[in-house]
Amino acid sequence: MHEAAEYLGLSPATLYVWRHRRQGPPSFRMGRSGRVMYRIETLGEWIREQEQADSRSNTSLNPVNAALQRRAGYAATA
């Protein structure tokens, strides 16, 4: 887990909390001790998913670029 946290630029404590909240990158337990493991490929995929979900990186999600929407039931006044 320490290596994964270092790779992501996070503290191991943050990665631990995310794991228990099921918010962070996918992980699994391995061996008798149940050591928490992360695949390097999965970490890379997770980073790309986070980047695409961020409106600053993905301009199609940026609300500033969205078309104006009118609320139902309101008459346009001008």
C-alpha atoms as a PDB file:
ATOM      1  CA  MET A   1       0.000   0.000   0.000  1.00  0.00           C
ATOM      2  CA  HIS A   2       2.878   2.372   0.702  1.00  0.00           C
ATOM      3  CA  GLU A   3       4.183   2.021  -2.842  1.00  0.00           C
ATOM      4  CA  ALA A   4       0.717   2.676  -4.303  1.00  0.00           C
ATOM      5  CA  ALA A   5       0.301   5.747  -2.096  1.00  0.00           C
ATOM      6  CA  GLU A   6       3.694   7.047  -3.209  1.00  0.00           C
ATOM      7  CA  TYR A   7       2.835   6.389  -6.883  1.00  0.00           C
ATOM      8  CA  LEU A   8      -0.417   8.354  -6.481  1.00  0.00           C
ATOM      9  CA  GLY A   9       1.209  11.132  -4.462  1.00  0.00           C
ATOM     10  CA  LEU A  10      -1.007  10.413  -1.461  1.00  0.00           C
ATOM     11  CA  SER A  11      -0.390   9.489   2.133  1.00  0.00           C
ATOM     12  CA  PRO A  12      -0.938   5.820   3.020  1.00  0.00           C
ATOM     13  CA  ALA A  13      -3.588   7.000   5.496  1.00  0.00           C
ATOM     14  CA  THR A  14      -5.595   8.658   2.713  1.00  0.00           C
ATOM     15  CA  LEU A  15      -5.400   5.517   0.591  1.00  0.00           C
ATOM     16  CA  TYR A  16      -6.463   3.447   3.615  1.00  0.00           C
ATOM     17  CA  VAL A  17      -9.526   5.640   4.241  1.00  0.00           C
ATOM     18  CA  TRP A  18     -10.464   5.641   0.549  1.00  0.00           C
ATOM     19  CA  ARG A  19     -10.211   1.834   0.468  1.00  0.00           C
ATOM     20  CA  HIS A  20     -12.588   1.456   3.378  1.00  0.00           C
ATOM     21  CA  ARG A  21     -15.014   3.971   1.901  1.00  0.00           C
ATOM     22  CA  ARG A  22     -14.718   2.214  -1.482  1.00  0.00           C
ATOM     23  CA  GLN A  23     -13.718   5.520  -3.089  1.00  0.00           C
ATOM     24  CA  GLY A  24     -10.180   4.903  -4.235  1.00  0.00           C
ATOM     25  CA  PRO A  25      -8.545   2.713  -6.831  1.00  0.00           C
ATOM     26  CA  PRO A  26      -9.452  -0.988  -6.951  1.00  0.00           C
ATOM     27  CA  SER A  27      -7.435  -3.190  -4.622  1.00  0.00           C
ATOM     28  CA  PHE A  28      -7.352  -6.761  -3.394  1.00  0.00           C
ATOM     29  CA  ARG A  29      -5.917  -8.808  -0.549  1.00  0.00           C
ATOM     30  CA  MET A  30      -3.231 -11.399  -1.147  1.00  0.00           C
ATOM     31  CA  GLY A  31      -1.603 -14.077   0.932  1.00  0.00           C
ATOM     32  CA  ARG A  32      -2.191 -15.370   4.431  1.00  0.00           C
ATOM     33  CA  SER A  33      -1.636 -11.993   6.024  1.00  0.00           C
ATOM     34  CA  GLY A  34      -4.171 -10.407   3.674  1.00  0.00           C
ATOM     35  CA  ARG A  35      -1.749  -7.760   2.440  1.00  0.00           C
ATOM     36  CA  VAL A  36      -3.546  -5.061   0.450  1.00  0.00           C
ATOM     37  CA  MET A  37      -2.309  -4.953  -3.141  1.00  0.00           C
ATOM     38  CA  TYR A  38      -2.807  -2.600  -6.078  1.00  0.00           C
ATOM     39  CA  ARG A  39      -1.955  -3.420  -9.692  1.00  0.00           C
ATOM     40  CA  ILE A  40       0.121  -0.694 -11.348  1.00  0.00           C
ATOM     41  CA  GLU A  41      -2.031  -0.948 -14.509  1.00  0.00           C
ATOM     42  CA  THR A  42      -5.185  -0.460 -12.449  1.00  0.00           C
ATOM     43  CA  LEU A  43      -3.709   2.594 -10.740  1.00  0.00           C
ATOM     44  CA  GLY A  44      -2.966   4.123 -14.138  1.00  0.00           C
ATOM     45  CA  GLU A  45      -6.509   3.399 -15.353  1.00  0.00           C
ATOM     46  CA  TRP A  46      -7.965   4.875 -12.172  1.00  0.00           C
ATOM     47  CA  ILE A  47      -5.912   8.051 -12.609  1.00  0.00           C
ATOM     48  CA  ARG A  48      -7.194   8.408 -16.195  1.00  0.00           C
ATOM     49  CA  GLU A  49     -10.795   7.919 -14.997  1.00  0.00           C
ATOM     50  CA  GLN A  50     -10.329  10.641 -12.380  1.00  0.00           C
ATOM     51  CA  GLU A  51      -8.892  12.957 -15.007  1.00  0.00           C
ATOM     52  CA  GLN A  52     -11.856  12.382 -17.332  1.00  0.00           C
ATOM     53  CA  ALA A  53     -14.322  12.957 -14.491  1.00  0.00           C
ATOM     54  CA  ASP A  54     -12.755  16.343 -13.685  1.00  0.00           C
ATOM     55  CA  SER A  55     -14.368  19.250 -15.534  1.00  0.00           C
ATOM     56  CA  ARG A  56     -11.055  21.120 -15.560  1.00  0.00           C
ATOM     57  CA  SER A  57      -9.443  18.335 -17.604  1.00  0.00           C
ATOM     58  CA  ASN A  58     -12.489  17.305 -19.622  1.00  0.00           C
ATOM     59  CA  THR A  59     -13.960  20.387 -21.265  1.00  0.00           C
ATOM     60  CA  SER A  60     -17.154  18.536 -22.200  1.00  0.00           C
ATOM     61  CA  LEU A  61     -17.986  18.365 -18.468  1.00  0.00           C
ATOM     62  CA  ASN A  62     -17.224  22.018 -17.779  1.00  0.00           C
ATOM     63  CA  PRO A  63     -20.495  23.740 -16.796  1.00  0.00           C
ATOM     64  CA  VAL A  64     -19.279  27.002 -18.341  1.00  0.00           C
ATOM     65  CA  ASN A  65     -19.382  25.313 -21.764  1.00  0.00           C
ATOM     66  CA  ALA A  66     -22.890  23.909 -21.240  1.00  0.00           C
ATOM     67  CA  ALA A  67     -25.887  25.387 -23.013  1.00  0.00           C
ATOM     68  CA  LEU A  68     -28.167  27.502 -20.871  1.00  0.00           C
ATOM     69  CA  GLN A  69     -31.186  25.666 -19.526  1.00  0.00           C
ATOM     70  CA  ARG A  70     -34.480  27.216 -18.500  1.00  0.00           C
ATOM     71  CA  ARG A  71     -36.441  25.988 -15.520  1.00  0.00           C
ATOM     72  CA  ALA A  72     -39.807  24.472 -16.311  1.00  0.00           C
ATOM     73  CA  GLY A  73     -42.758  26.636 -15.318  1.00  0.00           C
ATOM     74  CA  TYR A  74     -40.955  29.951 -15.554  1.00  0.00           C
ATOM     75  CA  ALA A  75     -41.922  32.471 -18.209  1.00  0.00           C
ATOM     76  CA  ALA A  76     -39.148  34.380 -19.904  1.00  0.00           C
ATOM     77  CA  THR A  77     -39.235  38.052 -18.955  1.00  0.00           C
ATOM     78  CA  ALA A  78     -37.380  40.790 -20.754  1.00  0.00           C
END
